[in-house]
PDB file of N, CA and C in Angstrom:
ATOM      1  N   MET A   1     -10.871  -4.168  18.908  1.00  0.00           N
ATOM      2  CA  MET A   1      -9.942  -3.472  17.805  1.00  0.00           C
ATOM      3  C   MET A   1     -10.480  -3.703  16.810  1.00  0.00           C
ATOM      4  N   PRO A   2      -9.426  -2.786  16.013  1.00  0.00           N
ATOM      5  CA  PRO A   2     -10.231  -2.694  14.595  1.00  0.00           C
ATOM      6  C   PRO A   2      -8.314  -3.016  13.975  1.00  0.00           C
ATOM      7  N   VAL A   3      -9.167  -3.584  12.852  1.00  0.00           N
ATOM      8  CA  VAL A   3      -7.895  -4.739  11.792  1.00  0.00           C
ATOM      9  C   VAL A   3      -7.332  -3.714  11.642  1.00  0.00           C
ATOM     10  N   ILE A   4      -5.914  -3.363  11.644  1.00  0.00           N
ATOM     11  CA  ILE A   4      -4.662  -2.176  10.943  1.00  0.00           C
ATOM     12  C   ILE A   4      -4.307  -2.893   9.426  1.00  0.00           C
ATOM     13  N   MET A   5      -4.563  -2.122   8.951  1.00  0.00           N
ATOM     14  CA  MET A   5      -4.481  -2.617   7.026  1.00  0.00           C
ATOM     15  C   MET A   5      -3.402  -1.999   6.787  1.00  0.00           C
ATOM     16  N   LYS A   6      -2.699  -2.307   6.005  1.00  0.00           N
ATOM     17  CA  LYS A   6      -1.485  -2.156   5.037  1.00  0.00           C
ATOM     18  C   LYS A   6      -1.273  -1.414   4.110  1.00  0.00           C
ATOM     19  N   THR A   7      -0.759  -1.203   2.618  1.00  0.00           N
ATOM     20  CA  THR A   7      -0.878  -1.321   1.347  1.00  0.00           C
ATOM     21  C   THR A   7       0.736  -1.650   1.419  1.00  0.00           C
ATOM     22  N   ILE A   8       0.754  -2.377   0.522  1.00  0.00           N
ATOM     23  CA  ILE A   8       2.016  -3.186  -0.960  1.00  0.00           C
ATOM     24  C   ILE A   8       2.138  -2.537  -1.734  1.00  0.00           C
ATOM     25  N   LYS A   9       4.063  -2.376  -2.566  1.00  0.00           N
ATOM     26  CA  LYS A   9       4.049  -3.116  -3.075  1.00  0.00           C
ATOM     27  C   LYS A   9       4.195  -4.707  -3.923  1.00  0.00           C
ATOM     28  N   MET A  10       3.881  -4.581  -4.999  1.00  0.00           N
ATOM     29  CA  MET A  10       3.840  -5.851  -5.143  1.00  0.00           C
ATOM     30  C   MET A  10       4.608  -5.713  -7.198  1.00  0.00           C
ATOM     31  N   THR A  11       5.179  -6.267  -7.886  1.00  0.00           N
ATOM     32  CA  THR A  11       5.746  -6.252  -9.648  1.00  0.00           C
ATOM     33  C   THR A  11       4.969  -7.148  -9.434  1.00  0.00           C
ATOM     34  N   VAL A  12       3.624  -7.638 -10.436  1.00  0.00           N
ATOM     35  CA  VAL A  12       3.622  -8.641 -11.492  1.00  0.00           C
ATOM     36  C   VAL A  12       3.331  -7.771 -13.084  1.00  0.00           C
ATOM     37  N   LYS A  13       3.306  -9.627 -13.500  1.00  0.00           N
ATOM     38  CA  LYS A  13       3.468  -8.688 -15.533  1.00  0.00           C
ATOM     39  C   LYS A  13       2.591  -7.802 -16.046  1.00  0.00           C
ATOM     40  N   ASP A  14       2.710  -6.500 -16.961  1.00  0.00           N
ATOM     41  CA  ASP A  14       2.415  -5.811 -17.671  1.00  0.00           C
ATOM     42  C   ASP A  14       0.986  -5.723 -17.356  1.00  0.00           C
ATOM     43  N   LYS A  15       0.132  -7.340 -18.091  1.00  0.00           N
ATOM     44  CA  LYS A  15      -1.435  -7.922 -17.819  1.00  0.00           C
ATOM     45  C   LYS A  15      -2.292  -7.988 -17.426  1.00  0.00           C
ATOM     46  N   ALA A  16      -1.154  -9.103 -16.111  1.00  0.00           N
ATOM     47  CA  ALA A  16      -1.956  -9.229 -14.516  1.00  0.00           C
ATOM     48  C   ALA A  16      -2.144  -7.528 -13.846  1.00  0.00           C
ATOM     49  N   ALA A  17      -1.246  -6.498 -14.006  1.00  0.00           N
ATOM     50  CA  ALA A  17      -1.013  -5.373 -14.164  1.00  0.00           C
ATOM     51  C   ALA A  17      -2.821  -4.776 -14.501  1.00  0.00           C
ATOM     52  N   ALA A  18      -3.121  -4.690 -16.437  1.00  0.00           N
ATOM     53  CA  ALA A  18      -3.175  -4.582 -16.203  1.00  0.00           C
ATOM     54  C   ALA A  18      -5.595  -4.744 -16.182  1.00  0.00           C
ATOM     55  N   ASN A  19      -4.934  -5.374 -16.161  1.00  0.00           N
ATOM     56  CA  ASN A  19      -6.456  -6.754 -15.968  1.00  0.00           C
ATOM     57  C   ASN A  19      -6.863  -6.328 -14.376  1.00  0.00           C
ATOM     58  N   PHE A  20      -6.083  -5.832 -13.259  1.00  0.00           N
ATOM     59  CA  PHE A  20      -6.420  -5.431 -12.418  1.00  0.00           C
ATOM     60  C   PHE A  20      -7.078  -4.408 -11.931  1.00  0.00           C
ATOM     61  N   GLU A  21      -6.492  -3.272 -12.627  1.00  0.00           N
ATOM     62  CA  GLU A  21      -7.192  -2.379 -12.972  1.00  0.00           C
ATOM     63  C   GLU A  21      -8.156  -2.054 -13.460  1.00  0.00           C
ATOM     64  N   LYS A  22      -9.058  -3.134 -14.332  1.00  0.00           N
ATOM     65  CA  LYS A  22     -10.517  -3.105 -14.748  1.00  0.00           C
ATOM     66  C   LYS A  22     -11.213  -3.373 -13.774  1.00  0.00           C
ATOM     67  N   LEU A  23     -10.753  -3.876 -12.910  1.00  0.00           N
ATOM     68  CA  LEU A  23     -11.524  -4.981 -11.724  1.00  0.00           C
ATOM     69  C   LEU A  23     -12.361  -3.697 -11.124  1.00  0.00           C
ATOM     70  N   SER A  24     -13.971  -3.765 -10.659  1.00  0.00           N
ATOM     71  CA  SER A  24     -14.638  -2.814  -9.786  1.00  0.00           C
ATOM     72  C   SER A  24     -13.962  -3.018  -9.473  1.00  0.00           C
ATOM     73  N   GLU A  25     -14.077  -1.772  -8.278  1.00  0.00           N
ATOM     74  CA  GLU A  25     -14.018  -1.837  -6.484  1.00  0.00           C
ATOM     75  C   GLU A  25     -14.000  -3.603  -6.295  1.00  0.00           C
ATOM     76  N   SER A  26     -15.101  -4.501  -5.766  1.00  0.00           N
ATOM     77  CA  SER A  26     -15.805  -5.440  -5.154  1.00  0.00           C
ATOM     78  C   SER A  26     -14.235  -6.497  -5.159  1.00  0.00           C
ATOM     79  N   GLY A  27     -14.721  -6.167  -7.133  1.00  0.00           N
ATOM     80  CA  GLY A  27     -13.054  -6.805  -7.605  1.00  0.00           C
ATOM     81  C   GLY A  27     -11.772  -7.226  -6.495  1.00  0.00           C
ATOM     82  N   LYS A  28     -11.653  -6.118  -6.865  1.00  0.00           N
ATOM     83  CA  LYS A  28      -9.842  -5.401  -6.507  1.00  0.00           C
ATOM     84  C   LYS A  28      -9.545  -6.159  -4.567  1.00  0.00           C
ATOM     85  N   GLN A  29     -10.951  -5.954  -4.186  1.00  0.00           N
ATOM     86  CA  GLN A  29     -10.942  -5.815  -2.405  1.00  0.00           C
ATOM     87  C   GLN A  29     -10.978  -8.221  -2.299  1.00  0.00           C
ATOM     88  N   TYR A  30     -11.795  -8.139  -3.622  1.00  0.00           N
ATOM     89  CA  TYR A  30     -11.168  -9.614  -3.399  1.00  0.00           C
ATOM     90  C   TYR A  30      -9.586  -9.970  -3.453  1.00  0.00           C
ATOM     91  N   VAL A  31      -9.403  -9.848  -4.739  1.00  0.00           N
ATOM     92  CA  VAL A  31      -8.479 -10.263  -4.871  1.00  0.00           C
ATOM     93  C   VAL A  31      -7.132 -10.112  -3.272  1.00  0.00           C
ATOM     94  N   SER A  32      -7.681  -8.732  -2.983  1.00  0.00           N
ATOM     95  CA  SER A  32      -6.044  -8.341  -2.519  1.00  0.00           C
ATOM     96  C   SER A  32      -6.059  -9.238  -0.915  1.00  0.00           C
ATOM     97  N   GLN A  33      -8.128  -9.422  -0.766  1.00  0.00           N
ATOM     98  CA  GLN A  33      -8.686 -10.988   0.243  1.00  0.00           C
ATOM     99  C   GLN A  33      -7.941 -12.357  -0.057  1.00  0.00           C
ATOM    100  N   VAL A  34      -7.442 -12.933  -0.728  1.00  0.00           N
ATOM    101  CA  VAL A  34      -7.551 -13.821  -1.578  1.00  0.00           C
ATOM    102  C   VAL A  34      -5.661 -13.769  -0.904  1.00  0.00           C
ATOM    103  N   VAL A  35      -5.189 -12.435  -1.666  1.00  0.00           N
ATOM    104  CA  VAL A  35      -3.448 -12.184  -0.914  1.00  0.00           C
ATOM    105  C   VAL A  35      -3.357 -12.005   0.436  1.00  0.00           C
ATOM    106  N   ASN A  36      -4.155 -11.643   1.278  1.00  0.00           N
ATOM    107  CA  ASN A  36      -3.835 -11.451   2.442  1.00  0.00           C
ATOM    108  C   ASN A  36      -3.814 -12.694   3.691  1.00  0.00           C
ATOM    109  N   GLU A  37      -5.322 -13.843   2.496  1.00  0.00           N
ATOM    110  CA  GLU A  37      -5.166 -14.754   2.932  1.00  0.00           C
ATOM    111  C   GLU A  37      -3.928 -15.879   2.897  1.00  0.00           C
ATOM    112  N   MET A  38      -3.523 -15.580   2.145  1.00  0.00           N
ATOM    113  CA  MET A  38      -2.188 -16.082   1.534  1.00  0.00           C
ATOM    114  C   MET A  38      -0.448 -16.469   2.474  1.00  0.00           C
ATOM    115  N   LEU A  39      -1.086 -15.099   3.203  1.00  0.00           N
ATOM    116  CA  LEU A  39       0.210 -13.994   3.278  1.00  0.00           C
ATOM    117  C   LEU A  39       0.196 -14.095   4.477  1.00  0.00           C
ATOM    118  N   GLU A  40      -0.886 -14.042   5.506  1.00  0.00           N
ATOM    119  CA  GLU A  40      -0.502 -14.402   7.109  1.00  0.00           C
ATOM    120  C   GLU A  40      -1.058 -15.551   7.283  1.00  0.00           C
ATOM    121  N   ASP A  41      -1.771 -16.489   6.535  1.00  0.00           N
ATOM    122  CA  ASP A  41      -1.670 -17.309   6.430  1.00  0.00           C
ATOM    123  C   ASP A  41      -0.761 -18.872   6.139  1.00  0.00           C
ATOM    124  N   GLN A  42      -0.316 -18.085   5.447  1.00  0.00           N
ATOM    125  CA  GLN A  42       1.271 -18.307   5.051  1.00  0.00           C
ATOM    126  C   GLN A  42       0.283 -19.924   4.271  1.00  0.00           C
ATOM    127  N   ARG A  43      -0.520 -19.634   4.111  1.00  0.00           N
ATOM    128  CA  ARG A  43      -1.970 -20.883   3.053  1.00  0.00           C
ATOM    129  C   ARG A  43      -1.423 -21.174   1.988  1.00  0.00           C
ATOM    130  N   SER A  44      -1.555 -21.713   0.784  1.00  0.00           N
ATOM    131  CA  SER A  44      -1.251 -22.297  -0.462  1.00  0.00           C
ATOM    132  C   SER A  44      -3.056 -21.165  -0.929  1.00  0.00           C
ATOM    133  N   LEU A  45      -2.940 -20.493  -2.379  1.00  0.00           N
ATOM    134  CA  LEU A  45      -3.247 -20.817  -2.711  1.00  0.00           C
ATOM    135  C   LEU A  45      -4.593 -21.774  -3.236  1.00  0.00           C
ATOM    136  N   LYS A  46      -4.769 -22.347  -3.674  1.00  0.00           N
ATOM    137  CA  LYS A  46      -5.400 -23.432  -3.580  1.00  0.00           C
ATOM    138  C   LYS A  46      -6.413 -23.733  -2.319  1.00  0.00           C
ATOM    139  N   GLU A  47      -5.304 -23.759  -0.771  1.00  0.00           N
ATOM    140  CA  GLU A  47      -6.382 -22.957   0.419  1.00  0.00           C
ATOM    141  C   GLU A  47      -7.045 -22.776  -0.057  1.00  0.00           C
ATOM    142  N   VAL A  48      -6.495 -20.910   0.030  1.00  0.00           N
ATOM    143  CA  VAL A  48      -7.421 -20.833   0.843  1.00  0.00           C
ATOM    144  C   VAL A  48      -8.402 -19.626  -0.776  1.00  0.00           C
ATOM    145  N   MET A  49      -8.661 -20.409  -2.104  1.00  0.00           N
ATOM    146  CA  MET A  49      -9.835 -20.266  -3.053  1.00  0.00           C
ATOM    147  C   MET A  49     -10.602 -21.233  -2.240  1.00  0.00           C
ATOM    148  N   GLY A  50      -9.932 -22.751  -1.829  1.00  0.00           N
ATOM    149  CA  GLY A  50     -11.113 -23.591  -1.280  1.00  0.00           C
ATOM    150  C   GLY A  50     -11.695 -23.349  -0.426  1.00  0.00           C
ATOM    151  N   ASP A  51     -11.348 -22.524   0.929  1.00  0.00           N
ATOM    152  CA  ASP A  51     -11.924 -22.264   1.735  1.00  0.00           C
ATOM    153  C   ASP A  51     -12.698 -21.146   1.472  1.00  0.00           C
ATOM    154  N   MET A  52     -12.208 -19.711   1.021  1.00  0.00           N
ATOM    155  CA  MET A  52     -13.079 -18.686   0.340  1.00  0.00           C
ATOM    156  C   MET A  52     -14.935 -19.722  -0.218  1.00  0.00           C
ATOM    157  N   SER A  53     -14.333 -20.077  -1.534  1.00  0.00           N
ATOM    158  CA  SER A  53     -15.356 -21.425  -2.535  1.00  0.00           C
ATOM    159  C   SER A  53     -16.879 -21.718  -1.240  1.00  0.00           C
ATOM    160  N   GLU A  54     -15.871 -22.695  -0.747  1.00  0.00           N
ATOM    161  CA  GLU A  54     -17.073 -22.544   0.694  1.00  0.00           C
ATOM    162  C   GLU A  54     -17.849 -22.175   1.333  1.00  0.00           C
ATOM    163  N   TYR A  55     -17.068 -20.371   2.006  1.00  0.00           N
ATOM    164  CA  TYR A  55     -17.623 -20.036   2.414  1.00  0.00           C
ATOM    165  C   TYR A  55     -18.561 -18.458   1.390  1.00  0.00           C
ATOM    166  N   ALA A  56     -18.411 -18.686   0.036  1.00  0.00           N
ATOM    167  CA  ALA A  56     -18.885 -17.926  -0.154  1.00  0.00           C
ATOM    168  C   ALA A  56     -20.588 -18.684  -1.119  1.00  0.00           C
ATOM    169  N   GLN A  57     -20.175 -20.012  -0.642  1.00  0.00           N
ATOM    170  CA  GLN A  57     -21.249 -21.478  -1.687  1.00  0.00           C
ATOM    171  C   GLN A  57     -22.744 -21.486  -0.124  1.00  0.00           C
ATOM    172  N   LYS A  58     -21.204 -21.427   1.121  1.00  0.00           N
ATOM    173  CA  LYS A  58     -22.690 -20.850   2.519  1.00  0.00           C
ATOM    174  C   LYS A  58     -23.166 -20.363   2.420  1.00  0.00           C
ATOM    175  N   GLN A  59     -22.731 -18.969   1.547  1.00  0.00           N
ATOM    176  CA  GLN A  59     -23.850 -17.536   2.190  1.00  0.00           C
ATOM    177  C   GLN A  59     -24.449 -17.792   0.767  1.00  0.00           C
ATOM    178  N   GLY A  60     -25.096 -18.382  -0.337  1.00  0.00           N
ATOM    179  CA  GLY A  60     -25.463 -18.321  -0.775  1.00  0.00           C
ATOM    180  C   GLY A  60     -25.098 -17.802  -2.269  1.00  0.00           C
ATOM    181  N   LEU A  61     -24.104 -18.025  -3.144  1.00  0.00           N
ATOM    182  CA  LEU A  61     -23.291 -17.764  -4.193  1.00  0.00           C
ATOM    183  C   LEU A  61     -23.318 -18.918  -4.492  1.00  0.00           C
ATOM    184  N   THR A  62     -23.722 -17.982  -6.004  1.00  0.00           N
ATOM    185  CA  THR A  62     -24.141 -19.533  -7.286  1.00  0.00           C
ATOM    186  C   THR A  62     -23.261 -18.664  -8.707  1.00  0.00           C
ATOM    187  N   PRO A  63     -22.645 -19.964  -9.699  1.00  0.00           N
ATOM    188  CA  PRO A  63     -22.252 -20.172 -10.570  1.00  0.00           C
ATOM    189  C   PRO A  63     -22.401 -18.222 -11.231  1.00  0.00           C
ATOM    190  N   GLU A  64     -24.202 -18.075 -11.475  1.00  0.00           N
ATOM    191  CA  GLU A  64     -24.889 -17.242 -11.755  1.00  0.00           C
ATOM    192  C   GLU A  64     -24.517 -15.256 -11.520  1.00  0.00           C
ATOM    193  N   ILE A  65     -24.406 -16.074 -10.011  1.00  0.00           N
ATOM    194  CA  ILE A  65     -24.086 -14.959  -9.481  1.00  0.00           C
ATOM    195  C   ILE A  65     -22.607 -14.464  -9.708  1.00  0.00           C
ATOM    196  N   LEU A  66     -21.491 -15.222  -9.944  1.00  0.00           N
ATOM    197  CA  LEU A  66     -19.907 -15.002  -9.885  1.00  0.00           C
ATOM    198  C   LEU A  66     -19.626 -14.549 -10.801  1.00  0.00           C
ATOM    199  N   ASP A  67     -20.842 -15.049 -12.089  1.00  0.00           N
ATOM    200  CA  ASP A  67     -20.583 -14.595 -13.507  1.00  0.00           C
ATOM    201  C   ASP A  67     -20.517 -13.116 -12.878  1.00  0.00           C
ATOM    202  N   ASP A  68     -21.783 -13.061 -13.478  1.00  0.00           N
ATOM    203  CA  ASP A  68     -22.277 -11.671 -13.310  1.00  0.00           C
ATOM    204  C   ASP A  68     -21.023 -10.095 -12.405  1.00  0.00           C
ATOM    205  N   ILE A  69     -20.965 -10.879 -11.126  1.00  0.00           N
ATOM    206  CA  ILE A  69     -20.167 -10.252 -10.494  1.00  0.00           C
ATOM    207  C   ILE A  69     -17.866  -9.861 -11.394  1.00  0.00           C
ATOM    208  N   LEU A  70     -18.169 -11.413 -11.835  1.00  0.00           N
ATOM    209  CA  LEU A  70     -16.894 -11.403 -12.709  1.00  0.00           C
ATOM    210  C   LEU A  70     -16.692 -10.189 -14.059  1.00  0.00           C
ATOM    211  N   SER A  71     -17.951 -10.679 -15.035  1.00  0.00           N
ATOM    212  CA  SER A  71     -17.955  -9.483 -15.460  1.00  0.00           C
ATOM    213  C   SER A  71     -17.937  -7.418 -15.248  1.00  0.00           C
ATOM    214  N   GLU A  72     -18.273  -7.762 -14.431  1.00  0.00           N
ATOM    215  CA  GLU A  72     -18.419  -6.463 -14.085  1.00  0.00           C
ATOM    216  C   GLU A  72     -17.086  -5.713 -14.829  1.00  0.00           C
ATOM    217  N   SER A  73     -16.086  -6.148 -14.759  1.00  0.00           N
ATOM    218  CA  SER A  73     -14.816  -6.189 -15.113  1.00  0.00           C
ATOM    219  C   SER A  73     -14.290  -6.121 -15.977  1.00  0.00           C
ATOM    220  N   ASP A  74     -15.885  -5.910 -17.344  1.00  0.00           N
ATOM    221  CA  ASP A  74     -15.543  -6.310 -18.344  1.00  0.00           C
ATOM    222  C   ASP A  74     -16.643  -5.388 -18.929  1.00  0.00           C
ATOM    223  N   GLU A  75     -16.933  -4.102 -17.991  1.00  0.00           N
ATOM    224  CA  GLU A  75     -17.455  -3.293 -18.819  1.00  0.00           C
ATOM    225  C   GLU A  75     -17.202  -2.011 -18.587  1.00  0.00           C
TER     226      GLU A  75
END
Protein backbone atom coordinates (compact mmCIF):
# COMPACT_ATOMS: atom_id res chain seq x y z
CA MET A 1 0.00 0.00 0.00
CA PRO A 2 1.54 3.35 -1.02
CA VAL A 3 2.19 5.99 1.60
CA ILE A 4 0.00 9.03 1.10
CA MET A 5 1.82 12.29 1.69
CA LYS A 6 0.21 15.69 2.14
CA THR A 7 1.69 19.19 2.05
CA ILE A 8 1.02 21.36 5.11
CA LYS A 9 1.73 24.98 5.96
CA MET A 10 3.89 25.92 8.93
CA THR A 11 4.70 29.35 10.30
CA VAL A 12 8.38 29.85 11.09
CA LYS A 13 10.67 32.82 11.64
CA ASP A 14 12.19 34.51 8.58
CA LYS A 15 15.68 33.15 9.30
CA ALA A 16 14.38 29.59 9.63
CA ALA A 17 12.53 29.91 6.32
CA ALA A 18 15.61 31.32 4.60
CA ASN A 19 17.81 28.55 5.96
CA PHE A 20 15.30 25.92 4.87
CA GLU A 21 15.28 27.32 1.33
CA LYS A 22 19.09 27.06 1.22
CA LEU A 23 19.04 23.32 2.05
CA SER A 24 19.73 20.71 -0.58
CA GLU A 25 16.80 18.54 -1.58
CA SER A 26 18.06 15.77 0.71
CA GLY A 27 18.31 18.27 3.56
CA LYS A 28 14.71 19.37 3.01
CA GLN A 29 13.60 15.73 2.97
CA TYR A 30 15.44 15.16 6.25
CA VAL A 31 13.65 18.09 7.93
CA SER A 32 10.34 16.81 6.57
CA GLN A 33 11.06 13.35 7.96
CA VAL A 34 11.86 14.75 11.43
CA VAL A 35 8.65 16.81 11.52
CA ASN A 36 6.62 13.85 10.23
CA GLU A 37 8.00 11.53 12.91
CA MET A 38 7.28 14.06 15.65
CA LEU A 39 3.70 14.68 14.57
CA GLU A 40 2.77 11.16 13.53
CA ASP A 41 4.07 9.39 16.62
CA GLN A 42 3.69 12.32 19.03
CA ARG A 43 7.29 11.90 20.17
CA SER A 44 9.61 14.64 21.31
CA LEU A 45 12.26 16.07 19.02
CA LYS A 46 14.91 14.52 21.28
CA GLU A 47 13.37 11.05 20.88
CA VAL A 48 13.06 11.36 17.11
CA MET A 49 16.60 12.68 16.70
CA GLY A 50 17.98 9.92 18.94
CA ASP A 51 16.27 7.22 16.88
CA MET A 52 17.41 8.78 13.61
CA SER A 53 20.97 9.12 14.89
CA GLU A 54 21.06 5.49 15.96
CA TYR A 55 19.68 4.37 12.59
CA ALA A 56 22.15 6.56 10.66
CA GLN A 57 25.11 5.18 12.61
CA LYS A 58 23.98 1.61 11.93
CA GLN A 59 23.83 2.52 8.22
CA GLY A 60 27.42 3.77 8.30
CA LEU A 61 26.93 7.52 8.58
CA THR A 62 30.02 9.06 10.13
CA PRO A 63 30.45 12.60 11.51
CA GLU A 64 32.57 13.40 8.44
CA ILE A 65 29.87 12.27 6.00
CA LEU A 66 27.26 14.24 7.96
CA ASP A 67 29.45 17.36 7.78
CA ASP A 68 29.69 16.92 3.99
CA ILE A 69 25.91 16.60 3.70
CA LEU A 70 25.26 19.62 5.87
CA SER A 71 27.83 21.74 4.04
CA GLU A 72 25.83 21.22 0.83
CA SER A 73 23.38 23.80 2.18
CA ASP A 74 26.17 26.40 2.27
CA GLU A 75 26.85 26.13 -1.46
